[in-house]
């Protein structure tokens, strides 16, 4: 397979004050496009041509750093655009809510721990809610790394690379993470991924 840049599932200005059109244009059209372009070049001759994106990510991890970085970021961003929607946040679907409460303790604890994972990821990286051995857990990873390479399935992730928030929030990563959680998350997509992973 070759990598292709997906269309955003909403207009550039659809996320309003929480993520600007300028941020989405840079992040999607420039950064994500670069992962696609570079990933396709590095895929050639890698021996992983024809594999699924998930398999390319898993099989290149620790063996082909250049390909891994670009393939993993392509995978992460494919989901990241879907993990947000206009008028997001709000009510969590019951299948997700029940598992969060049973595995993490409460919605408030989940919110605090998820935001803290994003805050305490030093430098570039991601914070995640992942299904690992049938249980939900919060993870954080550096750079383009994701739960797939640790045997888990990501069902929610937030990008804490500076290009994801610097135009709108400057260095206020906490404000970005709070806005993401409270006003951007597409919980229906999280619910679909959880159902598919169980």
N, C-alpha and C. Protein backbone atom coordinates (compact mmCIF):
# COMPACT_ATOMS: atom_id res chain seq x y z
N UNK A 1 0.85 -1.19 0.00
CA UNK A 1 0.00 0.00 0.00
C UNK A 1 0.88 1.24 0.00
N UNK A 2 0.36 2.31 -0.53
CA UNK A 2 1.05 3.59 -0.37
C UNK A 2 0.21 4.47 0.53
N UNK A 3 0.86 5.44 1.14
CA UNK A 3 0.17 6.33 2.05
C UNK A 3 -0.49 7.47 1.27
N UNK A 4 -1.68 7.84 1.66
CA UNK A 4 -2.36 9.00 1.05
C UNK A 4 -2.90 9.89 2.16
N UNK A 5 -2.86 11.18 1.92
CA UNK A 5 -3.35 12.14 2.90
C UNK A 5 -4.88 12.14 2.88
N UNK A 6 -5.54 11.87 4.01
CA UNK A 6 -7.00 11.90 4.03
C UNK A 6 -7.51 13.34 4.05
N UNK A 7 -8.69 13.53 3.53
CA UNK A 7 -9.35 14.84 3.68
C UNK A 7 -9.72 15.03 5.15
N UNK A 8 -9.69 16.27 5.60
CA UNK A 8 -10.24 16.54 6.93
C UNK A 8 -11.73 16.24 6.92
N UNK A 9 -12.28 15.69 8.01
CA UNK A 9 -13.71 15.37 8.04
C UNK A 9 -14.60 16.57 8.36
N UNK A 10 -14.03 17.77 8.33
CA UNK A 10 -14.77 19.00 8.60
C UNK A 10 -14.02 20.14 7.92
N UNK A 11 -14.64 21.29 7.84
CA UNK A 11 -13.99 22.47 7.23
C UNK A 11 -12.83 22.94 8.11
N UNK A 12 -11.89 23.63 7.50
CA UNK A 12 -10.73 24.12 8.25
C UNK A 12 -11.13 25.01 9.43
N UNK A 13 -12.22 25.75 9.28
CA UNK A 13 -12.61 26.67 10.35
C UNK A 13 -13.68 26.08 11.27
N UNK A 14 -13.95 24.78 11.14
CA UNK A 14 -15.08 24.18 11.86
C UNK A 14 -14.85 24.02 13.35
N UNK A 15 -13.58 24.01 13.79
CA UNK A 15 -13.30 23.80 15.21
C UNK A 15 -13.19 25.11 15.97
N UNK A 16 -13.39 26.21 15.27
CA UNK A 16 -13.55 27.52 15.88
C UNK A 16 -12.39 27.95 16.75
N UNK A 17 -12.73 28.48 17.91
CA UNK A 17 -11.72 29.05 18.80
C UNK A 17 -10.80 27.98 19.39
N UNK A 18 -11.20 26.72 19.34
CA UNK A 18 -10.44 25.67 20.01
C UNK A 18 -9.26 25.18 19.16
N UNK A 19 -9.40 25.23 17.84
CA UNK A 19 -8.30 24.90 16.93
C UNK A 19 -8.58 25.65 15.63
N UNK A 20 -7.71 26.60 15.32
CA UNK A 20 -7.98 27.54 14.23
C UNK A 20 -7.76 26.93 12.86
N UNK A 21 -8.33 27.59 11.86
CA UNK A 21 -8.11 27.19 10.47
C UNK A 21 -6.62 27.23 10.14
N UNK A 22 -5.92 28.23 10.66
CA UNK A 22 -4.48 28.33 10.38
C UNK A 22 -3.74 27.11 10.92
N UNK A 23 -4.07 26.70 12.14
CA UNK A 23 -3.44 25.50 12.71
C UNK A 23 -3.74 24.28 11.86
N UNK A 24 -5.00 24.08 11.48
CA UNK A 24 -5.35 22.90 10.70
C UNK A 24 -4.70 22.91 9.33
N UNK A 25 -4.60 24.08 8.71
CA UNK A 25 -3.94 24.15 7.40
C UNK A 25 -2.47 23.76 7.51
N UNK A 26 -1.78 24.29 8.52
CA UNK A 26 -0.37 23.92 8.70
C UNK A 26 -0.22 22.45 9.09
N UNK A 27 -1.03 22.04 10.06
CA UNK A 27 -0.87 20.71 10.65
C UNK A 27 -1.25 19.62 9.63
N UNK A 28 -2.38 19.78 8.99
CA UNK A 28 -2.85 18.78 8.04
C UNK A 28 -2.13 18.89 6.70
N UNK A 29 -2.15 20.08 6.12
CA UNK A 29 -1.66 20.23 4.74
C UNK A 29 -0.14 20.19 4.64
N UNK A 30 0.56 20.59 5.70
CA UNK A 30 2.02 20.62 5.64
C UNK A 30 2.64 19.45 6.43
N UNK A 31 2.35 19.38 7.72
CA UNK A 31 2.99 18.35 8.55
C UNK A 31 2.54 16.94 8.17
N UNK A 32 1.22 16.72 8.14
CA UNK A 32 0.75 15.38 7.80
C UNK A 32 1.15 15.02 6.37
N UNK A 33 1.06 15.97 5.46
CA UNK A 33 1.47 15.69 4.07
C UNK A 33 2.94 15.28 4.02
N UNK A 34 3.77 15.89 4.83
CA UNK A 34 5.20 15.53 4.84
C UNK A 34 5.40 14.09 5.31
N UNK A 35 4.63 13.65 6.32
CA UNK A 35 4.73 12.26 6.77
C UNK A 35 4.34 11.31 5.64
N UNK A 36 3.31 11.68 4.88
CA UNK A 36 2.85 10.85 3.76
C UNK A 36 3.92 10.79 2.67
N UNK A 37 4.43 11.95 2.28
CA UNK A 37 5.43 12.01 1.21
C UNK A 37 6.70 11.26 1.59
N UNK A 38 7.22 11.55 2.78
CA UNK A 38 8.45 10.89 3.22
C UNK A 38 8.23 9.40 3.48
N UNK A 39 7.07 9.07 4.04
CA UNK A 39 6.76 7.67 4.31
C UNK A 39 6.72 6.84 3.03
N UNK A 40 6.13 7.39 1.98
CA UNK A 40 6.07 6.67 0.71
C UNK A 40 7.46 6.43 0.13
N UNK A 41 8.34 7.43 0.25
CA UNK A 41 9.72 7.25 -0.24
C UNK A 41 10.44 6.15 0.54
N UNK A 42 10.26 6.18 1.85
CA UNK A 42 10.96 5.22 2.71
C UNK A 42 10.37 3.82 2.65
N UNK A 43 9.10 3.73 2.24
CA UNK A 43 8.46 2.42 2.11
C UNK A 43 9.05 1.62 0.96
N UNK A 44 9.45 2.33 -0.09
CA UNK A 44 10.03 1.66 -1.27
C UNK A 44 11.30 0.92 -0.87
N UNK A 45 11.34 -0.38 -1.19
CA UNK A 45 12.52 -1.18 -0.89
C UNK A 45 12.66 -1.59 0.56
N UNK A 46 11.63 -1.32 1.37
CA UNK A 46 11.72 -1.65 2.80
C UNK A 46 11.37 -3.10 3.08
N UNK A 47 10.73 -3.76 2.10
CA UNK A 47 10.24 -5.11 2.35
C UNK A 47 8.87 -5.14 3.00
N UNK A 48 8.31 -3.95 3.29
CA UNK A 48 7.00 -3.88 3.94
C UNK A 48 5.92 -3.37 3.00
N UNK A 49 6.29 -3.19 1.73
CA UNK A 49 5.28 -2.76 0.76
C UNK A 49 4.14 -3.78 0.73
N UNK A 50 2.92 -3.29 0.59
CA UNK A 50 1.78 -4.19 0.51
C UNK A 50 1.19 -4.56 1.86
N UNK A 51 1.88 -4.23 2.95
CA UNK A 51 1.34 -4.49 4.29
C UNK A 51 0.36 -3.39 4.67
N UNK A 52 -0.48 -3.67 5.67
CA UNK A 52 -1.38 -2.63 6.18
C UNK A 52 -0.57 -1.59 6.93
N UNK A 53 -1.14 -0.41 7.09
CA UNK A 53 -0.45 0.65 7.81
C UNK A 53 -0.11 0.21 9.23
N UNK A 54 -1.04 -0.47 9.91
CA UNK A 54 -0.78 -0.94 11.27
C UNK A 54 0.42 -1.89 11.30
N UNK A 55 0.49 -2.80 10.32
CA UNK A 55 1.60 -3.75 10.27
C UNK A 55 2.92 -3.05 9.96
N UNK A 56 2.87 -2.05 9.08
CA UNK A 56 4.09 -1.30 8.77
C UNK A 56 4.60 -0.61 10.04
N UNK A 57 3.68 -0.01 10.80
CA UNK A 57 4.07 0.66 12.04
C UNK A 57 4.71 -0.35 12.99
N UNK A 58 4.05 -1.48 13.21
CA UNK A 58 4.55 -2.45 14.17
C UNK A 58 5.87 -3.08 13.73
N UNK A 59 5.97 -3.40 12.44
CA UNK A 59 7.15 -4.13 11.96
C UNK A 59 8.36 -3.24 11.73
N UNK A 60 8.14 -1.93 11.57
CA UNK A 60 9.29 -1.03 11.39
C UNK A 60 9.82 -0.50 12.72
N UNK A 61 9.03 -0.65 13.79
CA UNK A 61 9.42 -0.12 15.11
C UNK A 61 10.71 -0.79 15.58
N UNK A 62 11.72 0.03 15.89
CA UNK A 62 13.00 -0.48 16.37
C UNK A 62 13.90 -1.04 15.30
N UNK A 63 13.42 -1.03 14.03
CA UNK A 63 14.22 -1.62 12.95
C UNK A 63 14.50 -0.64 11.82
N UNK A 64 13.54 0.24 11.56
CA UNK A 64 13.68 1.19 10.45
C UNK A 64 13.12 2.53 10.94
N UNK A 65 13.96 3.29 11.60
CA UNK A 65 13.49 4.48 12.32
C UNK A 65 12.82 5.49 11.40
N UNK A 66 13.40 5.73 10.24
CA UNK A 66 12.83 6.72 9.33
C UNK A 66 11.43 6.35 8.88
N UNK A 67 11.29 5.10 8.44
CA UNK A 67 9.98 4.63 8.00
C UNK A 67 9.00 4.63 9.17
N UNK A 68 9.45 4.13 10.32
CA UNK A 68 8.56 4.09 11.48
C UNK A 68 8.05 5.48 11.83
N UNK A 69 8.94 6.45 11.93
CA UNK A 69 8.53 7.80 12.34
C UNK A 69 7.43 8.34 11.44
N UNK A 70 7.58 8.17 10.14
CA UNK A 70 6.61 8.73 9.20
C UNK A 70 5.34 7.89 9.13
N UNK A 71 5.47 6.57 9.15
CA UNK A 71 4.27 5.70 9.11
C UNK A 71 3.45 5.85 10.39
N UNK A 72 4.14 5.90 11.53
CA UNK A 72 3.42 6.03 12.81
C UNK A 72 2.71 7.37 12.89
N UNK A 73 3.37 8.44 12.45
CA UNK A 73 2.72 9.74 12.49
C UNK A 73 1.56 9.80 11.49
N UNK A 74 1.68 9.11 10.37
CA UNK A 74 0.55 9.03 9.43
C UNK A 74 -0.62 8.32 10.10
N UNK A 75 -0.35 7.20 10.74
CA UNK A 75 -1.40 6.46 11.46
C UNK A 75 -2.01 7.34 12.55
N UNK A 76 -1.16 7.97 13.36
CA UNK A 76 -1.65 8.79 14.47
C UNK A 76 -2.55 9.92 13.97
N UNK A 77 -2.11 10.59 12.91
CA UNK A 77 -2.88 11.73 12.42
C UNK A 77 -4.17 11.31 11.70
N UNK A 78 -4.14 10.17 11.01
CA UNK A 78 -5.39 9.67 10.40
C UNK A 78 -6.49 9.61 11.46
N UNK A 79 -6.12 9.14 12.64
CA UNK A 79 -7.09 9.06 13.74
C UNK A 79 -7.32 10.42 14.41
N UNK A 80 -6.25 11.20 14.55
CA UNK A 80 -6.36 12.47 15.27
C UNK A 80 -7.44 13.37 14.67
N UNK A 81 -7.49 13.45 13.34
CA UNK A 81 -8.53 14.30 12.71
C UNK A 81 -9.92 13.77 13.05
N UNK A 82 -10.05 12.44 13.16
CA UNK A 82 -11.35 11.84 13.47
C UNK A 82 -11.70 11.95 14.95
N UNK A 83 -10.68 12.08 15.78
CA UNK A 83 -10.92 12.19 17.23
C UNK A 83 -11.45 13.55 17.62
N UNK A 84 -11.57 14.47 16.66
CA UNK A 84 -12.12 15.79 16.92
C UNK A 84 -13.33 16.02 16.04
N UNK A 85 -14.22 16.88 16.52
CA UNK A 85 -15.37 17.28 15.71
C UNK A 85 -15.86 18.64 16.21
N UNK A 86 -16.58 19.37 15.35
CA UNK A 86 -17.19 20.61 15.83
C UNK A 86 -18.16 20.30 16.97
N UNK A 87 -18.19 21.16 17.96
CA UNK A 87 -19.07 20.96 19.13
C UNK A 87 -18.81 19.61 19.79
N UNK A 88 -17.53 19.28 19.90
CA UNK A 88 -17.14 18.00 20.51
C UNK A 88 -17.17 18.08 22.02
N UNK A 89 -16.57 17.06 22.63
CA UNK A 89 -16.61 16.96 24.09
C UNK A 89 -17.98 16.51 24.55
N UNK A 90 -18.33 16.84 25.77
CA UNK A 90 -19.67 16.53 26.27
C UNK A 90 -19.85 15.09 26.69
N UNK A 91 -21.06 14.59 26.46
CA UNK A 91 -21.44 13.28 26.97
C UNK A 91 -20.62 12.15 26.35
N UNK A 92 -20.16 11.26 27.20
CA UNK A 92 -19.37 10.11 26.77
C UNK A 92 -20.32 8.93 26.56
N UNK A 93 -20.27 8.24 25.42
CA UNK A 93 -21.16 7.10 25.20
C UNK A 93 -21.04 6.06 26.31
N UNK A 94 -22.14 5.38 26.56
CA UNK A 94 -22.21 4.50 27.75
C UNK A 94 -21.17 3.38 27.71
N UNK A 95 -20.88 2.82 26.52
CA UNK A 95 -19.90 1.72 26.48
C UNK A 95 -18.51 2.20 26.89
N UNK A 96 -18.17 3.44 26.51
CA UNK A 96 -16.87 4.00 26.88
C UNK A 96 -16.89 4.41 28.36
N UNK A 97 -17.96 5.06 28.77
CA UNK A 97 -18.07 5.54 30.15
C UNK A 97 -17.95 4.40 31.15
N UNK A 98 -18.67 3.31 30.90
CA UNK A 98 -18.66 2.17 31.84
C UNK A 98 -17.25 1.62 32.02
N UNK A 99 -16.54 1.47 30.89
CA UNK A 99 -15.18 0.91 30.95
C UNK A 99 -14.21 1.88 31.61
N UNK A 100 -14.35 3.17 31.34
CA UNK A 100 -13.51 4.17 32.01
C UNK A 100 -13.70 4.09 33.53
N UNK A 101 -14.96 4.04 33.96
CA UNK A 101 -15.24 4.00 35.40
C UNK A 101 -14.70 2.72 36.04
N UNK A 102 -14.88 1.59 35.35
CA UNK A 102 -14.42 0.33 35.93
C UNK A 102 -12.90 0.20 35.92
N UNK A 103 -12.24 0.74 34.89
CA UNK A 103 -10.79 0.53 34.75
C UNK A 103 -9.96 1.68 35.31
N UNK A 104 -10.51 2.89 35.31
CA UNK A 104 -9.72 4.07 35.73
C UNK A 104 -10.25 4.67 37.03
N UNK A 105 -11.54 4.53 37.29
CA UNK A 105 -12.09 4.96 38.58
C UNK A 105 -13.25 5.92 38.47
N UNK A 106 -13.11 6.96 37.63
CA UNK A 106 -14.20 7.90 37.43
C UNK A 106 -13.88 8.73 36.20
N UNK A 107 -14.89 9.42 35.68
CA UNK A 107 -14.67 10.30 34.52
C UNK A 107 -13.75 11.45 34.92
N UNK A 108 -13.95 12.01 36.11
CA UNK A 108 -13.10 13.12 36.56
C UNK A 108 -11.64 12.69 36.67
N UNK A 109 -11.41 11.50 37.21
CA UNK A 109 -10.03 10.99 37.32
C UNK A 109 -9.45 10.75 35.93
N UNK A 110 -10.25 10.21 35.03
CA UNK A 110 -9.79 9.99 33.66
C UNK A 110 -9.39 11.31 33.01
N UNK A 111 -10.26 12.33 33.14
CA UNK A 111 -9.95 13.64 32.54
C UNK A 111 -8.63 14.18 33.10
N UNK A 112 -8.49 14.13 34.42
CA UNK A 112 -7.28 14.66 35.06
C UNK A 112 -6.04 13.88 34.63
N UNK A 113 -6.14 12.55 34.60
CA UNK A 113 -4.98 11.72 34.27
C UNK A 113 -4.61 11.83 32.79
N UNK A 114 -5.61 11.94 31.92
CA UNK A 114 -5.36 12.07 30.49
C UNK A 114 -4.65 13.40 30.20
N UNK A 115 -5.18 14.47 30.79
CA UNK A 115 -4.56 15.79 30.60
C UNK A 115 -3.16 15.79 31.18
N UNK A 116 -2.98 15.16 32.34
CA UNK A 116 -1.65 15.11 32.96
C UNK A 116 -0.66 14.33 32.11
N UNK A 117 -1.13 13.27 31.46
CA UNK A 117 -0.23 12.51 30.57
C UNK A 117 0.27 13.41 29.44
N UNK A 118 -0.62 14.24 28.89
CA UNK A 118 -0.21 15.17 27.85
C UNK A 118 0.73 16.24 28.36
N UNK A 119 0.49 16.70 29.58
CA UNK A 119 1.34 17.74 30.18
C UNK A 119 2.73 17.23 30.50
N UNK A 120 2.81 16.00 30.95
CA UNK A 120 4.09 15.47 31.45
C UNK A 120 4.88 14.72 30.37
N UNK A 121 4.34 14.64 29.15
CA UNK A 121 5.13 14.08 28.05
C UNK A 121 6.17 15.14 27.67
N UNK A 122 7.41 14.88 28.02
CA UNK A 122 8.46 15.86 27.77
C UNK A 122 8.73 15.97 26.28
N UNK A 123 8.76 17.20 25.79
CA UNK A 123 9.02 17.41 24.36
C UNK A 123 7.84 16.94 23.53
N UNK A 124 8.13 16.44 22.34
CA UNK A 124 7.08 16.05 21.41
C UNK A 124 6.56 14.66 21.73
N UNK A 125 5.27 14.45 21.42
CA UNK A 125 4.71 13.13 21.65
C UNK A 125 3.20 13.16 21.69
N UNK A 126 2.63 12.14 22.33
CA UNK A 126 1.18 11.94 22.36
C UNK A 126 0.76 11.43 23.73
N UNK A 127 -0.51 11.72 24.07
CA UNK A 127 -1.15 11.09 25.23
C UNK A 127 -2.31 10.25 24.69
N UNK A 128 -2.55 9.12 25.34
CA UNK A 128 -3.48 8.12 24.80
C UNK A 128 -4.42 7.56 25.86
N UNK A 129 -5.58 7.12 25.38
CA UNK A 129 -6.42 6.14 26.07
C UNK A 129 -6.38 4.91 25.19
N UNK A 130 -5.91 3.80 25.75
CA UNK A 130 -5.72 2.60 24.94
C UNK A 130 -6.32 1.39 25.63
N UNK A 131 -6.71 0.42 24.82
CA UNK A 131 -7.20 -0.85 25.34
C UNK A 131 -6.03 -1.82 25.36
N UNK A 132 -5.70 -2.30 26.55
CA UNK A 132 -4.53 -3.16 26.72
C UNK A 132 -4.95 -4.39 27.53
N UNK A 133 -4.91 -5.54 26.88
CA UNK A 133 -5.35 -6.78 27.54
C UNK A 133 -6.75 -6.65 28.13
N UNK A 134 -7.64 -6.03 27.35
CA UNK A 134 -9.05 -5.93 27.74
C UNK A 134 -9.38 -4.82 28.71
N UNK A 135 -8.37 -4.05 29.12
CA UNK A 135 -8.62 -2.95 30.06
C UNK A 135 -8.14 -1.63 29.47
N UNK A 136 -8.87 -0.56 29.80
CA UNK A 136 -8.46 0.77 29.38
C UNK A 136 -7.32 1.28 30.25
N UNK A 137 -6.33 1.90 29.63
CA UNK A 137 -5.29 2.55 30.39
C UNK A 137 -4.81 3.80 29.67
N UNK A 138 -4.31 4.74 30.45
CA UNK A 138 -3.77 5.99 29.91
C UNK A 138 -2.28 5.79 29.70
N UNK A 139 -1.81 6.21 28.52
CA UNK A 139 -0.40 6.07 28.18
C UNK A 139 0.09 7.39 27.62
N UNK A 140 1.41 7.55 27.59
CA UNK A 140 2.01 8.65 26.85
C UNK A 140 3.22 8.09 26.13
N UNK A 141 3.51 8.64 24.96
CA UNK A 141 4.62 8.14 24.15
C UNK A 141 5.38 9.31 23.54
N UNK A 142 6.69 9.14 23.31
CA UNK A 142 7.47 10.19 22.68
C UNK A 142 7.31 10.18 21.16
N UNK A 143 7.50 11.34 20.57
CA UNK A 143 7.57 11.49 19.12
C UNK A 143 6.36 10.86 18.43
N UNK A 144 6.57 9.92 17.48
CA UNK A 144 5.46 9.32 16.78
C UNK A 144 5.02 7.98 17.34
N UNK A 145 5.67 7.54 18.40
CA UNK A 145 5.36 6.23 18.98
C UNK A 145 3.90 6.19 19.43
N UNK A 146 3.30 5.02 19.37
CA UNK A 146 1.90 4.89 19.77
C UNK A 146 1.66 3.55 20.46
N UNK A 147 0.48 3.34 21.03
CA UNK A 147 0.23 2.10 21.77
C UNK A 147 0.34 0.83 20.94
N UNK A 148 0.19 0.91 19.62
CA UNK A 148 0.29 -0.30 18.79
C UNK A 148 1.59 -1.05 19.04
N UNK A 149 2.68 -0.29 19.21
CA UNK A 149 3.99 -0.94 19.34
C UNK A 149 4.23 -1.47 20.75
N UNK A 150 3.26 -1.26 21.64
CA UNK A 150 3.33 -1.80 23.00
C UNK A 150 2.21 -2.82 23.23
N UNK A 151 1.66 -3.34 22.16
CA UNK A 151 0.65 -4.39 22.26
C UNK A 151 -0.73 -3.93 22.63
N UNK A 152 -0.98 -2.62 22.55
CA UNK A 152 -2.28 -2.06 22.92
C UNK A 152 -2.94 -1.42 21.69
N UNK A 153 -4.23 -1.11 21.82
CA UNK A 153 -4.97 -0.49 20.74
C UNK A 153 -5.40 0.91 21.15
N UNK A 154 -4.93 1.95 20.44
CA UNK A 154 -5.35 3.30 20.81
C UNK A 154 -6.81 3.55 20.46
N UNK A 155 -7.56 4.10 21.42
CA UNK A 155 -8.94 4.47 21.09
C UNK A 155 -9.17 5.99 21.21
N UNK A 156 -8.19 6.69 21.81
CA UNK A 156 -8.22 8.16 21.84
C UNK A 156 -6.78 8.64 21.99
N UNK A 157 -6.43 9.67 21.24
CA UNK A 157 -5.09 10.22 21.36
C UNK A 157 -5.11 11.72 21.12
N UNK A 158 -4.18 12.40 21.78
CA UNK A 158 -4.03 13.84 21.56
C UNK A 158 -2.56 14.13 21.23
N UNK A 159 -2.37 14.91 20.20
CA UNK A 159 -1.05 15.28 19.71
C UNK A 159 -0.51 16.42 20.57
N UNK A 160 0.64 16.23 21.22
CA UNK A 160 1.24 17.31 22.00
C UNK A 160 2.55 17.81 21.38
N UNK A 161 2.73 17.54 20.08
CA UNK A 161 3.79 18.25 19.37
C UNK A 161 3.38 19.72 19.31
N UNK A 162 4.37 20.63 19.37
CA UNK A 162 4.03 22.05 19.40
C UNK A 162 3.24 22.50 18.18
N UNK A 163 3.47 21.87 17.02
CA UNK A 163 2.74 22.32 15.83
C UNK A 163 1.23 22.09 15.96
N UNK A 164 0.82 21.28 16.92
CA UNK A 164 -0.60 21.03 17.11
C UNK A 164 -1.30 22.17 17.86
N UNK A 165 -0.53 22.98 18.58
CA UNK A 165 -1.21 23.98 19.41
C UNK A 165 -0.54 25.35 19.46
N UNK A 166 0.70 25.48 18.96
CA UNK A 166 1.45 26.71 19.23
C UNK A 166 0.81 27.96 18.61
N UNK A 167 0.24 27.85 17.42
CA UNK A 167 -0.38 29.02 16.79
C UNK A 167 -1.51 29.55 17.66
N UNK A 168 -2.31 28.65 18.23
CA UNK A 168 -3.50 29.06 18.99
C UNK A 168 -3.22 29.30 20.47
N UNK A 169 -2.30 28.54 21.04
CA UNK A 169 -2.12 28.58 22.50
C UNK A 169 -0.72 29.00 22.92
N UNK A 170 0.16 29.27 21.95
CA UNK A 170 1.56 29.53 22.26
C UNK A 170 2.09 28.38 23.13
N UNK A 171 2.69 28.68 24.27
CA UNK A 171 3.27 27.58 25.06
C UNK A 171 2.33 27.08 26.14
N UNK A 172 1.05 27.41 26.05
CA UNK A 172 0.07 27.01 27.09
C UNK A 172 -0.51 25.64 26.78
N UNK A 173 0.33 24.62 26.89
CA UNK A 173 -0.13 23.26 26.63
C UNK A 173 -1.31 22.87 27.51
N UNK A 174 -1.36 23.26 28.80
CA UNK A 174 -2.52 22.89 29.63
C UNK A 174 -3.84 23.40 29.05
N UNK A 175 -3.87 24.64 28.56
CA UNK A 175 -5.11 25.21 28.01
C UNK A 175 -5.53 24.44 26.75
N UNK A 176 -4.57 24.05 25.94
CA UNK A 176 -4.85 23.26 24.73
C UNK A 176 -5.46 21.90 25.12
N UNK A 177 -4.85 21.24 26.08
CA UNK A 177 -5.34 19.91 26.48
C UNK A 177 -6.74 19.98 27.09
N UNK A 178 -6.98 21.01 27.88
CA UNK A 178 -8.32 21.18 28.46
C UNK A 178 -9.35 21.45 27.37
N UNK A 179 -9.00 22.30 26.41
CA UNK A 179 -9.92 22.58 25.30
C UNK A 179 -10.18 21.33 24.47
N UNK A 180 -9.12 20.55 24.22
CA UNK A 180 -9.28 19.30 23.47
C UNK A 180 -10.27 18.38 24.17
N UNK A 181 -10.06 18.17 25.47
CA UNK A 181 -10.91 17.23 26.20
C UNK A 181 -12.34 17.73 26.30
N UNK A 182 -12.50 18.99 26.65
CA UNK A 182 -13.83 19.52 26.96
C UNK A 182 -14.65 19.90 25.72
N UNK A 183 -13.98 20.25 24.62
CA UNK A 183 -14.70 20.88 23.51
C UNK A 183 -14.43 20.29 22.13
N UNK A 184 -13.52 19.33 22.01
CA UNK A 184 -13.17 18.82 20.68
C UNK A 184 -13.38 17.32 20.50
N UNK A 185 -13.31 16.53 21.55
CA UNK A 185 -13.31 15.07 21.36
C UNK A 185 -14.60 14.59 20.70
N UNK A 186 -14.40 13.75 19.68
CA UNK A 186 -15.49 13.07 18.99
C UNK A 186 -15.69 11.71 19.67
N UNK A 187 -16.55 11.70 20.69
CA UNK A 187 -16.71 10.48 21.49
C UNK A 187 -17.35 9.34 20.72
N UNK A 188 -18.12 9.67 19.68
CA UNK A 188 -18.72 8.59 18.87
C UNK A 188 -17.62 7.79 18.18
N UNK A 189 -16.59 8.48 17.71
CA UNK A 189 -15.48 7.78 17.06
C UNK A 189 -14.71 6.93 18.07
N UNK A 190 -14.52 7.47 19.27
CA UNK A 190 -13.87 6.69 20.34
C UNK A 190 -14.67 5.42 20.62
N UNK A 191 -15.99 5.57 20.68
CA UNK A 191 -16.87 4.43 20.94
C UNK A 191 -16.75 3.37 19.84
N UNK A 192 -16.70 3.82 18.59
CA UNK A 192 -16.54 2.87 17.46
C UNK A 192 -15.24 2.11 17.56
N UNK A 193 -14.14 2.82 17.88
CA UNK A 193 -12.84 2.16 17.98
C UNK A 193 -12.82 1.17 19.14
N UNK A 194 -13.46 1.53 20.25
CA UNK A 194 -13.52 0.62 21.39
C UNK A 194 -14.27 -0.65 21.01
N UNK A 195 -15.41 -0.50 20.36
CA UNK A 195 -16.19 -1.67 19.95
C UNK A 195 -15.39 -2.56 19.01
N UNK A 196 -14.66 -1.95 18.08
CA UNK A 196 -13.87 -2.73 17.12
C UNK A 196 -12.71 -3.45 17.80
N UNK A 197 -12.20 -2.88 18.90
CA UNK A 197 -11.03 -3.45 19.56
C UNK A 197 -11.37 -4.55 20.55
N UNK A 198 -12.64 -4.60 20.98
CA UNK A 198 -13.03 -5.57 22.03
C UNK A 198 -13.27 -6.96 21.46
